[in-house]
C-alpha atoms as a PDB file:
ATOM      1  CA  UNK A   1     -24.654 -60.178  51.998  1.00  0.00           C
ATOM      2  CA  UNK A   2     -23.772 -57.240  49.791  1.00  0.00           C
ATOM      3  CA  UNK A   3     -20.838 -55.046  50.574  1.00  0.00           C
ATOM      4  CA  UNK A   4     -21.482 -53.373  47.229  1.00  0.00           C
ATOM      5  CA  UNK A   5     -24.964 -52.301  48.352  1.00  0.00           C
ATOM      6  CA  UNK A   6     -23.736 -51.015  51.706  1.00  0.00           C
ATOM      7  CA  UNK A   7     -20.850 -49.110  50.114  1.00  0.00           C
ATOM      8  CA  UNK A   8     -23.228 -47.559  47.601  1.00  0.00           C
ATOM      9  CA  UNK A   9     -25.613 -46.436  50.342  1.00  0.00           C
ATOM     10  CA  UNK A  10     -22.975 -44.671  52.433  1.00  0.00           C
ATOM     11  CA  UNK A  11     -21.181 -43.091  49.474  1.00  0.00           C
ATOM     12  CA  UNK A  12     -24.511 -41.946  48.044  1.00  0.00           C
ATOM     13  CA  UNK A  13     -25.596 -40.404  51.343  1.00  0.00           C
ATOM     14  CA  UNK A  14     -22.262 -38.581  51.711  1.00  0.00           C
ATOM     15  CA  UNK A  15     -22.716 -37.051  48.254  1.00  0.00           C
ATOM     16  CA  UNK A  16     -26.481 -36.546  48.092  1.00  0.00           C
ATOM     17  CA  UNK A  17     -27.913 -35.783  51.519  1.00  0.00           C
ATOM     18  CA  UNK A  18     -27.627 -32.015  51.812  1.00  0.00           C
ATOM     19  CA  UNK A  19     -26.650 -30.457  55.108  1.00  0.00           C
ATOM     20  CA  UNK A  20     -29.884 -28.501  54.928  1.00  0.00           C
ATOM     21  CA  UNK A  21     -32.119 -31.552  54.507  1.00  0.00           C
ATOM     22  CA  UNK A  22     -35.001 -31.614  56.914  1.00  0.00           C
ATOM     23  CA  UNK A  23     -35.915 -34.644  58.954  1.00  0.00           C
ATOM     24  CA  UNK A  24     -39.507 -34.517  57.713  1.00  0.00           C
ATOM     25  CA  UNK A  25     -41.311 -37.422  56.083  1.00  0.00           C
ATOM     26  CA  UNK A  26     -41.424 -35.907  52.583  1.00  0.00           C
ATOM     27  CA  UNK A  27     -37.735 -34.925  52.436  1.00  0.00           C
ATOM     28  CA  UNK A  28     -36.584 -38.339  53.622  1.00  0.00           C
ATOM     29  CA  UNK A  29     -38.997 -40.159  51.303  1.00  0.00           C
ATOM     30  CA  UNK A  30     -37.796 -38.122  48.297  1.00  0.00           C
ATOM     31  CA  UNK A  31     -34.156 -38.850  49.123  1.00  0.00           C
ATOM     32  CA  UNK A  32     -34.975 -42.552  49.536  1.00  0.00           C
ATOM     33  CA  UNK A  33     -36.661 -42.670  46.121  1.00  0.00           C
ATOM     34  CA  UNK A  34     -33.709 -40.872  44.523  1.00  0.00           C
ATOM     35  CA  UNK A  35     -31.252 -43.292  46.105  1.00  0.00           C
ATOM     36  CA  UNK A  36     -33.158 -46.327  44.791  1.00  0.00           C
ATOM     37  CA  UNK A  37     -33.411 -44.773  41.303  1.00  0.00           C
ATOM     38  CA  UNK A  38     -29.670 -44.031  41.247  1.00  0.00           C
ATOM     39  CA  UNK A  39     -28.870 -47.535  42.502  1.00  0.00           C
ATOM     40  CA  UNK A  40     -31.127 -49.138  39.888  1.00  0.00           C
ATOM     41  CA  UNK A  41     -29.428 -47.155  37.122  1.00  0.00           C
ATOM     42  CA  UNK A  42     -26.117 -48.867  37.958  1.00  0.00           C
ATOM     43  CA  UNK A  43     -27.589 -52.310  38.568  1.00  0.00           C
ATOM     44  CA  UNK A  44     -27.950 -52.383  42.349  1.00  0.00           C
ATOM     45  CA  UNK A  45     -31.328 -53.523  43.693  1.00  0.00           C
ATOM     46  CA  UNK A  46     -33.049 -52.207  46.790  1.00  0.00           C
ATOM     47  CA  UNK A  47     -32.808 -55.703  48.256  1.00  0.00           C
ATOM     48  CA  UNK A  48     -29.043 -55.693  47.780  1.00  0.00           C
ATOM     49  CA  UNK A  49     -28.768 -52.409  49.670  1.00  0.00           C
ATOM     50  CA  UNK A  50     -31.168 -53.269  52.482  1.00  0.00           C
ATOM     51  CA  UNK A  51     -29.994 -56.823  53.198  1.00  0.00           C
ATOM     52  CA  UNK A  52     -27.024 -55.494  55.213  1.00  0.00           C
ATOM     53  CA  UNK A  53     -28.188 -52.022  56.202  1.00  0.00           C
ATOM     54  CA  UNK A  54     -31.855 -52.515  56.995  1.00  0.00           C
ATOM     55  CA  UNK A  55     -34.239 -49.709  56.130  1.00  0.00           C
ATOM     56  CA  UNK A  56     -32.730 -47.116  53.781  1.00  0.00           C
ATOM     57  CA  UNK A  57     -35.380 -44.640  54.915  1.00  0.00           C
ATOM     58  CA  UNK A  58     -34.204 -45.035  58.524  1.00  0.00           C
ATOM     59  CA  UNK A  59     -30.534 -44.780  57.514  1.00  0.00           C
ATOM     60  CA  UNK A  60     -31.153 -41.482  55.705  1.00  0.00           C
ATOM     61  CA  UNK A  61     -33.279 -40.137  58.553  1.00  0.00           C
ATOM     62  CA  UNK A  62     -30.583 -41.131  61.041  1.00  0.00           C
ATOM     63  CA  UNK A  63     -27.895 -39.364  58.965  1.00  0.00           C
ATOM     64  CA  UNK A  64     -29.967 -36.170  58.857  1.00  0.00           C
ATOM     65  CA  UNK A  65     -30.800 -36.225  62.566  1.00  0.00           C
ATOM     66  CA  UNK A  66     -27.193 -36.875  63.598  1.00  0.00           C
ATOM     67  CA  UNK A  67     -25.910 -34.165  61.278  1.00  0.00           C
ATOM     68  CA  UNK A  68     -28.371 -31.663  62.748  1.00  0.00           C
ATOM     69  CA  UNK A  69     -27.101 -32.602  66.182  1.00  0.00           C
ATOM     70  CA  UNK A  70     -23.540 -31.903  65.062  1.00  0.00           C
ATOM     71  CA  UNK A  71     -22.459 -35.544  65.295  1.00  0.00           C
ATOM     72  CA  UNK A  72     -21.771 -36.263  61.604  1.00  0.00           C
ATOM     73  CA  UNK A  73     -18.897 -34.401  60.019  1.00  0.00           C
END
């Protein structure tokens, strides 16, 4: 289990998922690739992130959808 990976994911999303991000496949895929690149640059693997959180793609999509609905603030 990796608390470090989970913490990175949620801190990264708070700083990098713009309020204007669309919930379309390309936007979410680009954000997912950027997250993995940023994680790799500081020594965190995709496996380390996803072992506790599941799919990063789904986590980012969920954050965008809930923000659009006014839930996340």
